[in-house]
Amino acid sequence: MEKLFCLGLVLGAVGGALLVANSYKARSLVKKSQAEIMQKVDEMMDDKLKGESEGEKTEKKTKK
């Protein structure tokens, strides 16, 4: 059963890759989705870094 699942997973991945490689609409959709995800990740990292830098400022103030 696991072998059949893995085989289906591999065939699905290969089929999806072929579809994207041969279809302009699918390729542009994938690129657009990747750009959106990268933008969201960048925003999350900026927020996290901003939170850490603010936390360091408050730690310095409390140590004085």
PDB file of N, CA and C in Angstrom:
ATOM      1  N   MET A   1       0.826  -1.194   0.000  1.00  0.00           N
ATOM      2  CA  MET A   1       0.000   0.000   0.000  1.00  0.00           C
ATOM      3  C   MET A   1       0.872   1.261   0.000  1.00  0.00           C
ATOM      4  N   GLU A   2       1.944   1.255   0.788  1.00  0.00           N
ATOM      5  CA  GLU A   2       2.827   2.416   0.834  1.00  0.00           C
ATOM      6  C   GLU A   2       3.548   2.608  -0.491  1.00  0.00           C
ATOM      7  N   LYS A   3       3.914   1.494  -1.132  1.00  0.00           N
ATOM      8  CA  LYS A   3       4.602   1.588  -2.423  1.00  0.00           C
ATOM      9  C   LYS A   3       3.686   2.212  -3.457  1.00  0.00           C
ATOM     10  N   LEU A   4       2.414   1.833  -3.435  1.00  0.00           N
ATOM     11  CA  LEU A   4       1.443   2.378  -4.374  1.00  0.00           C
ATOM     12  C   LEU A   4       1.245   3.876  -4.132  1.00  0.00           C
ATOM     13  N   PHE A   5       1.206   4.259  -2.856  1.00  0.00           N
ATOM     14  CA  PHE A   5       1.064   5.674  -2.523  1.00  0.00           C
ATOM     15  C   PHE A   5       2.273   6.466  -3.024  1.00  0.00           C
ATOM     16  N   CYS A   6       3.458   5.954  -2.768  1.00  0.00           N
ATOM     17  CA  CYS A   6       4.686   6.631  -3.210  1.00  0.00           C
ATOM     18  C   CYS A   6       4.745   6.718  -4.731  1.00  0.00           C
ATOM     19  N   LEU A   7       4.350   5.664  -5.399  1.00  0.00           N
ATOM     20  CA  LEU A   7       4.331   5.670  -6.861  1.00  0.00           C
ATOM     21  C   LEU A   7       3.353   6.727  -7.374  1.00  0.00           C
ATOM     22  N   GLY A   8       2.195   6.810  -6.786  1.00  0.00           N
ATOM     23  CA  GLY A   8       1.208   7.819  -7.174  1.00  0.00           C
ATOM     24  C   GLY A   8       1.710   9.230  -6.902  1.00  0.00           C
ATOM     25  N   LEU A   9       2.399   9.392  -5.788  1.00  0.00           N
ATOM     26  CA  LEU A   9       2.960  10.702  -5.451  1.00  0.00           C
ATOM     27  C   LEU A   9       4.008  11.125  -6.472  1.00  0.00           C
ATOM     28  N   VAL A  10       4.880  10.209  -6.840  1.00  0.00           N
ATOM     29  CA  VAL A  10       5.933  10.508  -7.822  1.00  0.00           C
ATOM     30  C   VAL A  10       5.319  10.798  -9.188  1.00  0.00           C
ATOM     31  N   LEU A  11       4.371   9.970  -9.598  1.00  0.00           N
ATOM     32  CA  LEU A  11       3.732  10.194 -10.901  1.00  0.00           C
ATOM     33  C   LEU A  11       2.971  11.523 -10.929  1.00  0.00           C
ATOM     34  N   GLY A  12       2.344  11.872  -9.830  1.00  0.00           N
ATOM     35  CA  GLY A  12       1.642  13.156  -9.750  1.00  0.00           C
ATOM     36  C   GLY A  12       2.601  14.330  -9.833  1.00  0.00           C
ATOM     37  N   ALA A  13       3.738  14.204  -9.155  1.00  0.00           N
ATOM     38  CA  ALA A  13       4.740  15.275  -9.199  1.00  0.00           C
ATOM     39  C   ALA A  13       5.309  15.425 -10.606  1.00  0.00           C
ATOM     40  N   VAL A  14       5.603  14.308 -11.255  1.00  0.00           N
ATOM     41  CA  VAL A  14       6.136  14.352 -12.618  1.00  0.00           C
ATOM     42  C   VAL A  14       5.088  14.919 -13.577  1.00  0.00           C
ATOM     43  N   GLY A  15       3.866  14.494 -13.433  1.00  0.00           N
ATOM     44  CA  GLY A  15       2.786  15.007 -14.282  1.00  0.00           C
ATOM     45  C   GLY A  15       2.578  16.497 -14.080  1.00  0.00           C
ATOM     46  N   GLY A  16       2.622  16.951 -12.831  1.00  0.00           N
ATOM     47  CA  GLY A  16       2.486  18.378 -12.554  1.00  0.00           C
ATOM     48  C   GLY A  16       3.635  19.180 -13.132  1.00  0.00           C
ATOM     49  N   ALA A  17       4.849  18.647 -13.023  1.00  0.00           N
ATOM     50  CA  ALA A  17       6.018  19.335 -13.583  1.00  0.00           C
ATOM     51  C   ALA A  17       5.906  19.433 -15.101  1.00  0.00           C
ATOM     52  N   LEU A  18       5.447  18.372 -15.741  1.00  0.00           N
ATOM     53  CA  LEU A  18       5.278  18.406 -17.201  1.00  0.00           C
ATOM     54  C   LEU A  18       4.188  19.395 -17.605  1.00  0.00           C
ATOM     55  N   LEU A  19       3.123  19.443 -16.836  1.00  0.00           N
ATOM     56  CA  LEU A  19       2.035  20.375 -17.126  1.00  0.00           C
ATOM     57  C   LEU A  19       2.528  21.814 -17.038  1.00  0.00           C
ATOM     58  N   VAL A  20       3.257  22.115 -15.970  1.00  0.00           N
ATOM     59  CA  VAL A  20       3.768  23.471 -15.779  1.00  0.00           C
ATOM     60  C   VAL A  20       4.798  23.817 -16.852  1.00  0.00           C
ATOM     61  N   ALA A  21       5.630  22.853 -17.213  1.00  0.00           N
ATOM     62  CA  ALA A  21       6.666  23.111 -18.215  1.00  0.00           C
ATOM     63  C   ALA A  21       6.066  23.378 -19.596  1.00  0.00           C
ATOM     64  N   ASN A  22       4.915  22.815 -19.885  1.00  0.00           N
ATOM     65  CA  ASN A  22       4.331  22.942 -21.214  1.00  0.00           C
ATOM     66  C   ASN A  22       3.179  23.940 -21.301  1.00  0.00           C
ATOM     67  N   SER A  23       2.808  24.537 -20.195  1.00  0.00           N
ATOM     68  CA  SER A  23       1.679  25.465 -20.200  1.00  0.00           C
ATOM     69  C   SER A  23       2.118  26.842 -19.707  1.00  0.00           C
ATOM     70  N   TYR A  24       1.946  27.846 -20.538  1.00  0.00           N
ATOM     71  CA  TYR A  24       2.342  29.203 -20.160  1.00  0.00           C
ATOM     72  C   TYR A  24       1.507  29.709 -18.994  1.00  0.00           C
ATOM     73  N   LYS A  25       0.198  29.440 -19.026  1.00  0.00           N
ATOM     74  CA  LYS A  25      -0.676  29.908 -17.946  1.00  0.00           C
ATOM     75  C   LYS A  25      -0.284  29.285 -16.611  1.00  0.00           C
ATOM     76  N   ALA A  26      -0.024  27.993 -16.617  1.00  0.00           N
ATOM     77  CA  ALA A  26       0.358  27.314 -15.380  1.00  0.00           C
ATOM     78  C   ALA A  26       1.710  27.816 -14.879  1.00  0.00           C
ATOM     79  N   ARG A  27       2.639  28.035 -15.790  1.00  0.00           N
ATOM     80  CA  ARG A  27       3.972  28.520 -15.413  1.00  0.00           C
ATOM     81  C   ARG A  27       3.875  29.917 -14.808  1.00  0.00           C
ATOM     82  N   SER A  28       3.072  30.791 -15.403  1.00  0.00           N
ATOM     83  CA  SER A  28       2.931  32.147 -14.869  1.00  0.00           C
ATOM     84  C   SER A  28       2.213  32.123 -13.518  1.00  0.00           C
ATOM     85  N   LEU A  29       1.270  31.202 -13.348  1.00  0.00           N
ATOM     86  CA  LEU A  29       0.584  31.064 -12.060  1.00  0.00           C
ATOM     87  C   LEU A  29       1.552  30.622 -10.972  1.00  0.00           C
ATOM     88  N   VAL A  30       2.435  29.693 -11.297  1.00  0.00           N
ATOM     89  CA  VAL A  30       3.423  29.223 -10.332  1.00  0.00           C
ATOM     90  C   VAL A  30       4.379  30.354  -9.968  1.00  0.00           C
ATOM     91  N   LYS A  31       4.836  31.112 -10.939  1.00  0.00           N
ATOM     92  CA  LYS A  31       5.748  32.226 -10.666  1.00  0.00           C
ATOM     93  C   LYS A  31       5.073  33.282  -9.800  1.00  0.00           C
ATOM     94  N   LYS A  32       3.802  33.568 -10.096  1.00  0.00           N
ATOM     95  CA  LYS A  32       3.065  34.558  -9.318  1.00  0.00           C
ATOM     96  C   LYS A  32       2.902  34.084  -7.873  1.00  0.00           C
ATOM     97  N   SER A  33       2.573  32.826  -7.697  1.00  0.00           N
ATOM     98  CA  SER A  33       2.408  32.272  -6.358  1.00  0.00           C
ATOM     99  C   SER A  33       3.726  32.289  -5.584  1.00  0.00           C
ATOM    100  N   GLN A  34       4.819  31.962  -6.242  1.00  0.00           N
ATOM    101  CA  GLN A  34       6.129  32.001  -5.597  1.00  0.00           C
ATOM    102  C   GLN A  34       6.475  33.420  -5.152  1.00  0.00           C
ATOM    103  N   ALA A  35       6.169  34.396  -5.985  1.00  0.00           N
ATOM    104  CA  ALA A  35       6.462  35.790  -5.636  1.00  0.00           C
ATOM    105  C   ALA A  35       5.640  36.226  -4.425  1.00  0.00           C
ATOM    106  N   GLU A  36       4.373  35.824  -4.381  1.00  0.00           N
ATOM    107  CA  GLU A  36       3.518  36.176  -3.245  1.00  0.00           C
ATOM    108  C   GLU A  36       4.027  35.534  -1.956  1.00  0.00           C
ATOM    109  N   ILE A  37       4.429  34.287  -2.034  1.00  0.00           N
ATOM    110  CA  ILE A  37       4.934  33.594  -0.852  1.00  0.00           C
ATOM    111  C   ILE A  37       6.224  34.239  -0.364  1.00  0.00           C
ATOM    112  N   MET A  38       7.113  34.568  -1.289  1.00  0.00           N
ATOM    113  CA  MET A  38       8.373  35.212  -0.902  1.00  0.00           C
ATOM    114  C   MET A  38       8.118  36.568  -0.252  1.00  0.00           C
ATOM    115  N   GLN A  39       7.147  37.305  -0.755  1.00  0.00           N
ATOM    116  CA  GLN A  39       6.811  38.604  -0.178  1.00  0.00           C
ATOM    117  C   GLN A  39       6.288  38.430   1.250  1.00  0.00           C
ATOM    118  N   LYS A  40       5.420  37.444   1.455  1.00  0.00           N
ATOM    119  CA  LYS A  40       4.885  37.205   2.794  1.00  0.00           C
ATOM    120  C   LYS A  40       5.976  36.758   3.761  1.00  0.00           C
ATOM    121  N   VAL A  41       6.896  35.921   3.281  1.00  0.00           N
ATOM    122  CA  VAL A  41       8.001  35.469   4.130  1.00  0.00           C
ATOM    123  C   VAL A  41       8.892  36.649   4.504  1.00  0.00           C
ATOM    124  N   ASP A  42       9.161  37.526   3.542  1.00  0.00           N
ATOM    125  CA  ASP A  42       9.969  38.708   3.821  1.00  0.00           C
ATOM    126  C   ASP A  42       9.304  39.595   4.871  1.00  0.00           C
ATOM    127  N   GLU A  43       7.987  39.783   4.750  1.00  0.00           N
ATOM    128  CA  GLU A  43       7.257  40.596   5.725  1.00  0.00           C
ATOM    129  C   GLU A  43       7.320  39.965   7.117  1.00  0.00           C
ATOM    130  N   MET A  44       7.156  38.654   7.176  1.00  0.00           N
ATOM    131  CA  MET A  44       7.209  37.968   8.467  1.00  0.00           C
ATOM    132  C   MET A  44       8.594  38.091   9.094  1.00  0.00           C
ATOM    133  N   MET A  45       9.638  37.941   8.276  1.00  0.00           N
ATOM    134  CA  MET A  45      10.997  38.058   8.799  1.00  0.00           C
ATOM    135  C   MET A  45      11.283  39.483   9.257  1.00  0.00           C
ATOM    136  N   ASP A  46      10.804  40.479   8.521  1.00  0.00           N
ATOM    137  CA  ASP A  46      10.992  41.868   8.924  1.00  0.00           C
ATOM    138  C   ASP A  46      10.306  42.131  10.264  1.00  0.00           C
ATOM    139  N   ASP A  47       9.079  41.624  10.425  1.00  0.00           N
ATOM    140  CA  ASP A  47       8.365  41.790  11.685  1.00  0.00           C
ATOM    141  C   ASP A  47       9.104  41.112  12.829  1.00  0.00           C
ATOM    142  N   LYS A  48       9.615  39.923  12.575  1.00  0.00           N
ATOM    143  CA  LYS A  48      10.333  39.185  13.608  1.00  0.00           C
ATOM    144  C   LYS A  48      11.611  39.920  14.006  1.00  0.00           C
ATOM    145  N   LEU A  49      12.349  40.410  13.013  1.00  0.00           N
ATOM    146  CA  LEU A  49      13.577  41.142  13.303  1.00  0.00           C
ATOM    147  C   LEU A  49      13.279  42.450  14.027  1.00  0.00           C
ATOM    148  N   LYS A  50      12.195  43.109  13.651  1.00  0.00           N
ATOM    149  CA  LYS A  50      11.811  44.348  14.319  1.00  0.00           C
ATOM    150  C   LYS A  50      11.461  44.063  15.777  1.00  0.00           C
ATOM    151  N   GLY A  51      10.758  42.976  16.017  1.00  0.00           N
ATOM    152  CA  GLY A  51      10.386  42.594  17.377  1.00  0.00           C
ATOM    153  C   GLY A  51      11.611  42.261  18.216  1.00  0.00           C
ATOM    154  N   GLU A  52      12.589  41.598  17.627  1.00  0.00           N
ATOM    155  CA  GLU A  52      13.810  41.259  18.355  1.00  0.00           C
ATOM    156  C   GLU A  52      14.614  42.504  18.670  1.00  0.00           C
ATOM    157  N   SER A  53      14.698  43.442  17.733  1.00  0.00           N
ATOM    158  CA  SER A  53      15.474  44.660  17.984  1.00  0.00           C
ATOM    159  C   SER A  53      14.797  45.517  19.040  1.00  0.00           C
ATOM    160  N   GLU A  54      13.463  45.550  19.077  1.00  0.00           N
ATOM    161  CA  GLU A  54      12.751  46.287  20.114  1.00  0.00           C
ATOM    162  C   GLU A  54      12.940  45.612  21.465  1.00  0.00           C
ATOM    163  N   GLY A  55      12.982  44.291  21.461  1.00  0.00           N
ATOM    164  CA  GLY A  55      13.205  43.549  22.699  1.00  0.00           C
ATOM    165  C   GLY A  55      14.586  43.824  23.264  1.00  0.00           C
ATOM    166  N   GLU A  56      15.589  43.954  22.409  1.00  0.00           N
ATOM    167  CA  GLU A  56      16.947  44.263  22.852  1.00  0.00           C
ATOM    168  C   GLU A  56      17.004  45.652  23.454  1.00  0.00           C
ATOM    169  N   LYS A  57      16.272  46.621  22.885  1.00  0.00           N
ATOM    170  CA  LYS A  57      16.259  47.984  23.419  1.00  0.00           C
ATOM    171  C   LYS A  57      15.674  48.001  24.832  1.00  0.00           C
ATOM    172  N   THR A  58      14.588  47.264  25.039  1.00  0.00           N
ATOM    173  CA  THR A  58      13.973  47.258  26.366  1.00  0.00           C
ATOM    174  C   THR A  58      14.861  46.542  27.378  1.00  0.00           C
ATOM    175  N   GLU A  59      15.601  45.529  26.936  1.00  0.00           N
ATOM    176  CA  GLU A  59      16.518  44.829  27.836  1.00  0.00           C
ATOM    177  C   GLU A  59      17.647  45.761  28.266  1.00  0.00           C
ATOM    178  N   LYS A  60      18.160  46.568  27.350  1.00  0.00           N
ATOM    179  CA  LYS A  60      19.236  47.496  27.675  1.00  0.00           C
ATOM    180  C   LYS A  60      18.759  48.542  28.672  1.00  0.00           C
ATOM    181  N   LYS A  61      17.513  48.995  28.512  1.00  0.00           N
ATOM    182  CA  LYS A  61      16.960  49.998  29.418  1.00  0.00           C
ATOM    183  C   LYS A  61      16.768  49.444  30.812  1.00  0.00           C
ATOM    184  N   THR A  62      16.333  48.201  30.917  1.00  0.00           N
ATOM    185  CA  THR A  62      16.095  47.603  32.233  1.00  0.00           C
ATOM    186  C   THR A  62      17.397  47.267  32.937  1.00  0.00           C
ATOM    187  N   LYS A  63      18.486  47.013  32.194  1.00  0.00           N
ATOM    188  CA  LYS A  63      19.773  46.694  32.807  1.00  0.00           C
ATOM    189  C   LYS A  63      20.419  47.920  33.412  1.00  0.00           C
ATOM    190  N   LYS A  64      20.121  49.110  32.906  1.00  0.00           N
ATOM    191  CA  LYS A  64      20.748  50.351  33.401  1.00  0.00           C
ATOM    192  C   LYS A  64      20.181  50.701  34.699  1.00  0.00           C
TER     193      LYS A  64
END
